[in-house]
């Protein structure tokens, strides 16, 4: 059995999460900013399909990318150096979320509902959720979004409409976070794509220890509010 969350209920400890399905911790609650921030601070994230109650997860192991372990292939490095694109931050956050919600091959529906877009849009207005966007020929060609707390970044979703567009955004994000001394990017669960760029699984206990260290780091003014990316991240 999993716990049902009433409006003021705290999350149960992540050690109470189910092994099957891996990481299912609780149901219910809401997607208010306070609830979402409490979830991220405790290593929990929402994921649910339309028609389901809100479901909260903390899988074990956890897929993470340590910024200094980023792997960039030779072909992607060539694309980055060619520079036939522009990378921006936080100029079209809702458009990025909506693009992430678009149907994909071999995927039925989407978990990024209008309710989720509104909830993370509110976090974006507070300077907590951010988008990294790849623009090609004046069009939004790819990107990603996530949540930043302290020196911790929680990746949520990414999309691409042109070859390597999402990877370009990811590389710029990771290199910028490295300069800002962010220590870890939460990737939630294993995918081959994430593994190919250096992400790896770690035990949930280790993830939680590192998360608490990073979330409680004091933020600097230059990483609060709307983000501005350095100009030389493709190098």
C-alpha atoms as a PDB file:
ATOM      1  CA  UNK A   1       0.000   0.000   0.000  1.00  0.00           C
ATOM      2  CA  UNK A   2       1.112   3.557  -0.657  1.00  0.00           C
ATOM      3  CA  UNK A   3       0.160   6.582   1.381  1.00  0.00           C
ATOM      4  CA  UNK A   4      -2.591   8.934   0.228  1.00  0.00           C
ATOM      5  CA  UNK A   5      -1.583  12.556   0.771  1.00  0.00           C
ATOM      6  CA  UNK A   6      -4.124  15.006   2.101  1.00  0.00           C
ATOM      7  CA  UNK A   7      -3.377  18.716   1.530  1.00  0.00           C
ATOM      8  CA  UNK A   8      -1.186  19.234   4.603  1.00  0.00           C
ATOM      9  CA  UNK A   9       0.340  15.750   4.860  1.00  0.00           C
ATOM     10  CA  UNK A  10       4.135  15.451   4.632  1.00  0.00           C
ATOM     11  CA  UNK A  11       5.754  12.974   2.304  1.00  0.00           C
ATOM     12  CA  UNK A  12       6.610   9.616   3.836  1.00  0.00           C
ATOM     13  CA  UNK A  13      10.337   8.775   3.975  1.00  0.00           C
ATOM     14  CA  UNK A  14      11.687   7.706   0.594  1.00  0.00           C
ATOM     15  CA  UNK A  15      12.661   4.356   2.104  1.00  0.00           C
ATOM     16  CA  UNK A  16       8.921   3.586   2.172  1.00  0.00           C
ATOM     17  CA  UNK A  17       8.750   3.639  -1.658  1.00  0.00           C
ATOM     18  CA  UNK A  18       7.713   0.433  -3.380  1.00  0.00           C
ATOM     19  CA  UNK A  19      10.186  -1.797  -5.161  1.00  0.00           C
ATOM     20  CA  UNK A  20       7.528  -2.668  -7.780  1.00  0.00           C
ATOM     21  CA  UNK A  21       6.767  -0.340  -9.414  1.00  0.00           C
ATOM     22  CA  UNK A  22      10.180   0.973  -8.548  1.00  0.00           C
ATOM     23  CA  UNK A  23       9.989   4.122  -6.461  1.00  0.00           C
ATOM     24  CA  UNK A  24       6.249   4.679  -6.136  1.00  0.00           C
ATOM     25  CA  UNK A  25       5.954   6.501  -2.817  1.00  0.00           C
ATOM     26  CA  UNK A  26       2.599   8.244  -2.477  1.00  0.00           C
ATOM     27  CA  UNK A  27      -0.514   9.482  -4.267  1.00  0.00           C
ATOM     28  CA  UNK A  28      -2.683  12.549  -3.930  1.00  0.00           C
ATOM     29  CA  UNK A  29      -1.742  15.985  -2.727  1.00  0.00           C
ATOM     30  CA  UNK A  30      -1.508  18.780  -5.268  1.00  0.00           C
ATOM     31  CA  UNK A  31       0.908  20.509  -7.624  1.00  0.00           C
ATOM     32  CA  UNK A  32       1.219  23.748  -5.681  1.00  0.00           C
ATOM     33  CA  UNK A  33       4.616  25.421  -5.648  1.00  0.00           C
ATOM     34  CA  UNK A  34       5.076  24.608  -1.968  1.00  0.00           C
ATOM     35  CA  UNK A  35       4.274  20.920  -2.521  1.00  0.00           C
ATOM     36  CA  UNK A  36       6.585  20.630  -5.538  1.00  0.00           C
ATOM     37  CA  UNK A  37       9.475  22.316  -3.761  1.00  0.00           C
ATOM     38  CA  UNK A  38       8.993  20.099  -0.726  1.00  0.00           C
ATOM     39  CA  UNK A  39       9.028  17.074  -3.028  1.00  0.00           C
ATOM     40  CA  UNK A  40      12.278  18.057  -4.754  1.00  0.00           C
ATOM     41  CA  UNK A  41      13.981  18.831  -1.451  1.00  0.00           C
ATOM     42  CA  UNK A  42      13.140  15.295  -0.333  1.00  0.00           C
ATOM     43  CA  UNK A  43      14.196  13.499  -3.533  1.00  0.00           C
ATOM     44  CA  UNK A  44      10.633  13.007  -4.797  1.00  0.00           C
ATOM     45  CA  UNK A  45       9.090  13.937  -8.154  1.00  0.00           C
ATOM     46  CA  UNK A  46       5.580  13.732  -9.676  1.00  0.00           C
ATOM     47  CA  UNK A  47       4.793  11.505 -12.641  1.00  0.00           C
ATOM     48  CA  UNK A  48       1.300  10.395 -13.596  1.00  0.00           C
ATOM     49  CA  UNK A  49      -0.836   9.885 -16.662  1.00  0.00           C
ATOM     50  CA  UNK A  50      -4.054  11.748 -17.464  1.00  0.00           C
ATOM     51  CA  UNK A  51      -6.941  10.303 -15.467  1.00  0.00           C
ATOM     52  CA  UNK A  52      -4.687   9.114 -12.647  1.00  0.00           C
ATOM     53  CA  UNK A  53      -4.259  10.771  -9.276  1.00  0.00           C
ATOM     54  CA  UNK A  54      -0.988  12.598  -8.768  1.00  0.00           C
ATOM     55  CA  UNK A  55       1.681   9.947  -8.169  1.00  0.00           C
ATOM     56  CA  UNK A  56       4.967  10.671  -6.391  1.00  0.00           C
ATOM     57  CA  UNK A  57       8.179   8.728  -7.012  1.00  0.00           C
ATOM     58  CA  UNK A  58      11.660   8.168  -5.575  1.00  0.00           C
ATOM     59  CA  UNK A  59      13.274   5.260  -7.459  1.00  0.00           C
ATOM     60  CA  UNK A  60      16.256   3.212  -6.310  1.00  0.00           C
ATOM     61  CA  UNK A  61      18.733   3.385  -7.984  1.00  0.00           C
ATOM     62  CA  UNK A  62      18.594   6.981  -9.220  1.00  0.00           C
ATOM     63  CA  UNK A  63      19.951   8.134 -12.578  1.00  0.00           C
ATOM     64  CA  UNK A  64      22.161  11.216 -12.193  1.00  0.00           C
ATOM     65  CA  UNK A  65      24.688  13.180 -14.194  1.00  0.00           C
ATOM     66  CA  UNK A  66      27.609  14.728 -12.350  1.00  0.00           C
ATOM     67  CA  UNK A  67      28.411  17.791 -14.472  1.00  0.00           C
ATOM     68  CA  UNK A  68      32.138  17.087 -14.679  1.00  0.00           C
ATOM     69  CA  UNK A  69      31.391  13.601 -16.049  1.00  0.00           C
ATOM     70  CA  UNK A  70      29.650  14.895 -19.173  1.00  0.00           C
ATOM     71  CA  UNK A  71      30.630  12.980 -22.310  1.00  0.00           C
ATOM     72  CA  UNK A  72      30.460  14.767 -25.655  1.00  0.00           C
ATOM     73  CA  UNK A  73      30.932  12.671 -28.794  1.00  0.00           C
ATOM     74  CA  UNK A  74      33.250  13.737 -31.579  1.00  0.00           C
ATOM     75  CA  UNK A  75      30.326  14.348 -33.929  1.00  0.00           C
ATOM     76  CA  UNK A  76      28.463  16.450 -31.372  1.00  0.00           C
ATOM     77  CA  UNK A  77      31.616  18.459 -30.669  1.00  0.00           C
ATOM     78  CA  UNK A  78      31.802  19.224 -34.378  1.00  0.00           C
ATOM     79  CA  UNK A  79      28.180  20.374 -34.366  1.00  0.00           C
ATOM     80  CA  UNK A  80      28.824  22.573 -31.337  1.00  0.00           C
ATOM     81  CA  UNK A  81      31.827  24.211 -32.972  1.00  0.00           C
ATOM     82  CA  UNK A  82      29.957  24.876 -36.224  1.00  0.00           C
ATOM     83  CA  UNK A  83      27.706  27.223 -34.297  1.00  0.00           C
ATOM     84  CA  UNK A  84      24.782  27.268 -36.740  1.00  0.00           C
ATOM     85  CA  UNK A  85      22.376  27.753 -33.844  1.00  0.00           C
ATOM     86  CA  UNK A  86      21.651  29.942 -30.822  1.00  0.00           C
ATOM     87  CA  UNK A  87      21.121  28.714 -27.258  1.00  0.00           C
ATOM     88  CA  UNK A  88      18.959  30.781 -24.945  1.00  0.00           C
ATOM     89  CA  UNK A  89      17.699  30.362 -21.405  1.00  0.00           C
ATOM     90  CA  UNK A  90      14.258  31.148 -20.043  1.00  0.00           C
ATOM     91  CA  UNK A  91      12.855  32.963 -23.071  1.00  0.00           C
ATOM     92  CA  UNK A  92      10.096  30.470 -23.976  1.00  0.00           C
ATOM     93  CA  UNK A  93       9.598  28.257 -20.944  1.00  0.00           C
ATOM     94  CA  UNK A  94       5.976  27.284 -21.600  1.00  0.00           C
ATOM     95  CA  UNK A  95       6.704  26.649 -25.273  1.00  0.00           C
ATOM     96  CA  UNK A  96       9.449  24.229 -24.233  1.00  0.00           C
ATOM     97  CA  UNK A  97       7.087  22.389 -21.905  1.00  0.00           C
ATOM     98  CA  UNK A  98       4.421  22.227 -24.598  1.00  0.00           C
ATOM     99  CA  UNK A  99       6.960  20.847 -27.062  1.00  0.00           C
ATOM    100  CA  UNK A 100       8.034  18.224 -24.517  1.00  0.00           C
ATOM    101  CA  UNK A 101       4.380  17.233 -24.249  1.00  0.00           C
ATOM    102  CA  UNK A 102       3.985  16.583 -27.985  1.00  0.00           C
ATOM    103  CA  UNK A 103       3.394  12.932 -29.029  1.00  0.00           C
ATOM    104  CA  UNK A 104       6.499  10.860 -29.711  1.00  0.00           C
ATOM    105  CA  UNK A 105       7.025   7.659 -31.692  1.00  0.00           C
ATOM    106  CA  UNK A 106       5.989   4.525 -29.791  1.00  0.00           C
ATOM    107  CA  UNK A 107       4.557   6.613 -26.968  1.00  0.00           C
ATOM    108  CA  UNK A 108       0.873   6.851 -26.091  1.00  0.00           C
ATOM    109  CA  UNK A 109      -0.166  10.230 -24.761  1.00  0.00           C
ATOM    110  CA  UNK A 110       1.866  12.409 -22.437  1.00  0.00           C
ATOM    111  CA  UNK A 111       2.326  12.956 -18.717  1.00  0.00           C
ATOM    112  CA  UNK A 112       2.967  16.680 -19.257  1.00  0.00           C
ATOM    113  CA  UNK A 113      -0.621  17.815 -18.930  1.00  0.00           C
ATOM    114  CA  UNK A 114      -1.998  21.353 -18.860  1.00  0.00           C
ATOM    115  CA  UNK A 115      -2.027  21.024 -15.067  1.00  0.00           C
ATOM    116  CA  UNK A 116       1.700  20.243 -15.064  1.00  0.00           C
ATOM    117  CA  UNK A 117       2.472  23.105 -17.462  1.00  0.00           C
ATOM    118  CA  UNK A 118       0.617  25.529 -15.189  1.00  0.00           C
ATOM    119  CA  UNK A 119       2.363  24.211 -12.074  1.00  0.00           C
ATOM    120  CA  UNK A 120       5.886  24.421 -13.486  1.00  0.00           C
ATOM    121  CA  UNK A 121       5.061  27.705 -15.171  1.00  0.00           C
ATOM    122  CA  UNK A 122       4.395  29.082 -11.691  1.00  0.00           C
ATOM    123  CA  UNK A 123       7.809  27.833 -10.546  1.00  0.00           C
ATOM    124  CA  UNK A 124       9.347  29.484 -13.596  1.00  0.00           C
ATOM    125  CA  UNK A 125       7.748  32.804 -12.642  1.00  0.00           C
ATOM    126  CA  UNK A 126       9.450  32.446  -9.250  1.00  0.00           C
ATOM    127  CA  UNK A 127      12.848  31.898 -10.900  1.00  0.00           C
ATOM    128  CA  UNK A 128      13.015  28.245  -9.803  1.00  0.00           C
ATOM    129  CA  UNK A 129      12.165  26.340 -13.007  1.00  0.00           C
ATOM    130  CA  UNK A 130      14.231  27.019 -16.116  1.00  0.00           C
ATOM    131  CA  UNK A 131      14.341  26.222 -19.811  1.00  0.00           C
ATOM    132  CA  UNK A 132      17.378  25.866 -22.053  1.00  0.00           C
ATOM    133  CA  UNK A 133      16.443  26.373 -25.694  1.00  0.00           C
ATOM    134  CA  UNK A 134      18.178  25.649 -29.000  1.00  0.00           C
ATOM    135  CA  UNK A 135      17.128  27.997 -31.803  1.00  0.00           C
ATOM    136  CA  UNK A 136      17.927  27.284 -35.461  1.00  0.00           C
ATOM    137  CA  UNK A 137      16.954  29.679 -38.212  1.00  0.00           C
ATOM    138  CA  UNK A 138      14.844  31.687 -35.790  1.00  0.00           C
ATOM    139  CA  UNK A 139      12.780  28.632 -34.772  1.00  0.00           C
ATOM    140  CA  UNK A 140      12.691  26.755 -31.472  1.00  0.00           C
ATOM    141  CA  UNK A 141      14.347  23.485 -32.505  1.00  0.00           C
ATOM    142  CA  UNK A 142      14.965  21.706 -29.206  1.00  0.00           C
ATOM    143  CA  UNK A 143      15.451  22.157 -25.515  1.00  0.00           C
ATOM    144  CA  UNK A 144      14.820  20.995 -21.984  1.00  0.00           C
ATOM    145  CA  UNK A 145      13.444  22.228 -18.692  1.00  0.00           C
ATOM    146  CA  UNK A 146      13.978  21.518 -15.030  1.00  0.00           C
ATOM    147  CA  UNK A 147      14.127  22.866 -11.495  1.00  0.00           C
ATOM    148  CA  UNK A 148      17.101  24.400  -9.673  1.00  0.00           C
ATOM    149  CA  UNK A 149      17.458  24.420  -5.880  1.00  0.00           C
ATOM    150  CA  UNK A 150      20.707  25.460  -4.247  1.00  0.00           C
ATOM    151  CA  UNK A 151      23.432  23.741  -6.279  1.00  0.00           C
ATOM    152  CA  UNK A 152      21.132  20.956  -7.486  1.00  0.00           C
ATOM    153  CA  UNK A 153      19.379  20.749 -10.873  1.00  0.00           C
ATOM    154  CA  UNK A 154      16.447  18.406 -11.473  1.00  0.00           C
ATOM    155  CA  UNK A 155      16.007  17.604 -15.151  1.00  0.00           C
ATOM    156  CA  UNK A 156      12.404  16.998 -16.160  1.00  0.00           C
ATOM    157  CA  UNK A 157      12.069  16.537 -19.916  1.00  0.00           C
ATOM    158  CA  UNK A 158      13.624  17.418 -23.252  1.00  0.00           C
ATOM    159  CA  UNK A 159      12.554  17.533 -26.899  1.00  0.00           C
ATOM    160  CA  UNK A 160      14.082  17.881 -30.332  1.00  0.00           C
ATOM    161  CA  UNK A 161      12.773  18.939 -33.726  1.00  0.00           C
ATOM    162  CA  UNK A 162      16.168  18.930 -35.463  1.00  0.00           C
ATOM    163  CA  UNK A 163      19.202  16.679 -35.279  1.00  0.00           C
ATOM    164  CA  UNK A 164      21.192  17.192 -32.050  1.00  0.00           C
ATOM    165  CA  UNK A 165      19.064  20.168 -30.956  1.00  0.00           C
ATOM    166  CA  UNK A 166      18.262  18.732 -27.526  1.00  0.00           C
ATOM    167  CA  UNK A 167      21.869  17.556 -27.065  1.00  0.00           C
ATOM    168  CA  UNK A 168      23.124  21.067 -27.834  1.00  0.00           C
ATOM    169  CA  UNK A 169      20.872  22.441 -25.110  1.00  0.00           C
ATOM    170  CA  UNK A 170      22.006  19.755 -22.669  1.00  0.00           C
ATOM    171  CA  UNK A 171      25.701  20.414 -23.249  1.00  0.00           C
ATOM    172  CA  UNK A 172      25.224  24.151 -22.729  1.00  0.00           C
ATOM    173  CA  UNK A 173      23.249  23.494 -19.549  1.00  0.00           C
ATOM    174  CA  UNK A 174      25.845  21.132 -18.100  1.00  0.00           C
ATOM    175  CA  UNK A 175      28.789  23.385 -18.923  1.00  0.00           C
ATOM    176  CA  UNK A 176      27.013  26.376 -17.397  1.00  0.00           C
ATOM    177  CA  UNK A 177      26.124  24.427 -14.261  1.00  0.00           C
ATOM    178  CA  UNK A 178      29.753  23.344 -13.955  1.00  0.00           C
ATOM    179  CA  UNK A 179      30.825  26.992 -13.897  1.00  0.00           C
ATOM    180  CA  UNK A 180      28.195  27.737 -11.273  1.00  0.00           C
ATOM    181  CA  UNK A 181      29.472  24.857  -9.112  1.00  0.00           C
ATOM    182  CA  UNK A 182      26.306  22.785  -9.330  1.00  0.00           C
ATOM    183  CA  UNK A 183      27.148  19.301  -8.098  1.00  0.00           C
ATOM    184  CA  UNK A 184      24.524  16.988  -9.582  1.00  0.00           C
ATOM    185  CA  UNK A 185      21.756  16.775 -12.183  1.00  0.00           C
ATOM    186  CA  UNK A 186      18.863  14.472 -11.372  1.00  0.00           C
ATOM    187  CA  UNK A 187      17.898  12.424 -14.436  1.00  0.00           C
ATOM    188  CA  UNK A 188      15.375  10.299 -12.493  1.00  0.00           C
ATOM    189  CA  UNK A 189      15.531   6.975 -14.363  1.00  0.00           C
ATOM    190  CA  UNK A 190      17.885   5.219 -16.753  1.00  0.00           C
ATOM    191  CA  UNK A 191      17.733   5.843 -20.483  1.00  0.00           C
ATOM    192  CA  UNK A 192      20.294   4.906 -23.114  1.00  0.00           C
ATOM    193  CA  UNK A 193      20.453   8.508 -24.282  1.00  0.00           C
ATOM    194  CA  UNK A 194      21.341   9.803 -20.819  1.00  0.00           C
ATOM    195  CA  UNK A 195      23.884   7.046 -20.286  1.00  0.00           C
ATOM    196  CA  UNK A 196      25.552   7.995 -23.573  1.00  0.00           C
ATOM    197  CA  UNK A 197      26.312  11.497 -22.251  1.00  0.00           C
ATOM    198  CA  UNK A 198      27.756  10.267 -18.959  1.00  0.00           C
ATOM    199  CA  UNK A 199      24.793   9.839 -16.637  1.00  0.00           C
ATOM    200  CA  UNK A 200      24.862   6.821 -14.324  1.00  0.00           C
ATOM    201  CA  UNK A 201      22.790   5.142 -11.665  1.00  0.00           C
ATOM    202  CA  UNK A 202      23.657   5.534  -7.994  1.00  0.00           C
ATOM    203  CA  UNK A 203      21.942   4.081  -4.902  1.00  0.00           C
ATOM    204  CA  UNK A 204      19.072   6.174  -3.595  1.00  0.00           C
ATOM    205  CA  UNK A 205      20.792   6.545  -0.221  1.00  0.00           C
ATOM    206  CA  UNK A 206      23.825   8.128  -1.871  1.00  0.00           C
ATOM    207  CA  UNK A 207      21.590  10.339  -3.984  1.00  0.00           C
ATOM    208  CA  UNK A 208      19.787  11.584  -0.893  1.00  0.00           C
ATOM    209  CA  UNK A 209      23.015  12.405   0.936  1.00  0.00           C
ATOM    210  CA  UNK A 210      24.363  14.390  -2.013  1.00  0.00           C
ATOM    211  CA  UNK A 211      21.000  16.078  -2.602  1.00  0.00           C
ATOM    212  CA  UNK A 212      20.819  17.375   0.976  1.00  0.00           C
ATOM    213  CA  UNK A 213      24.335  18.764   0.699  1.00  0.00           C
ATOM    214  CA  UNK A 214      23.598  20.573  -2.575  1.00  0.00           C
ATOM    215  CA  UNK A 215      20.073  21.814  -1.912  1.00  0.00           C
ATOM    216  CA  UNK A 216      21.223  23.488   1.283  1.00  0.00           C
ATOM    217  CA  UNK A 217      24.066  25.361  -0.415  1.00  0.00           C
ATOM    218  CA  UNK A 218      23.470  29.094  -0.432  1.00  0.00           C
ATOM    219  CA  UNK A 219      22.507  30.399  -3.873  1.00  0.00           C
ATOM    220  CA  UNK A 220      24.452  33.185  -5.568  1.00  0.00           C
ATOM    221  CA  UNK A 221      22.628  36.200  -7.061  1.00  0.00           C
ATOM    222  CA  UNK A 222      23.797  35.275 -10.573  1.00  0.00           C
ATOM    223  CA  UNK A 223      21.877  31.972 -10.538  1.00  0.00           C
ATOM    224  CA  UNK A 224      18.632  33.289  -9.104  1.00  0.00           C
ATOM    225  CA  UNK A 225      15.749  34.500 -11.235  1.00  0.00           C
ATOM    226  CA  UNK A 226      15.980  34.354 -15.027  1.00  0.00           C
ATOM    227  CA  UNK A 227      19.132  32.649 -16.223  1.00  0.00           C
ATOM    228  CA  UNK A 228      21.690  34.129 -18.596  1.00  0.00           C
ATOM    229  CA  UNK A 229      24.114  31.703 -20.259  1.00  0.00           C
ATOM    230  CA  UNK A 230      27.778  32.442 -20.895  1.00  0.00           C
ATOM    231  CA  UNK A 231      28.659  33.065 -24.528  1.00  0.00           C
ATOM    232  CA  UNK A 232      31.534  30.572 -24.846  1.00  0.00           C
ATOM    233  CA  UNK A 233      29.901  27.305 -23.727  1.00  0.00           C
ATOM    234  CA  UNK A 234      30.277  25.640 -27.129  1.00  0.00           C
ATOM    235  CA  UNK A 235      34.079  25.673 -26.842  1.00  0.00           C
END
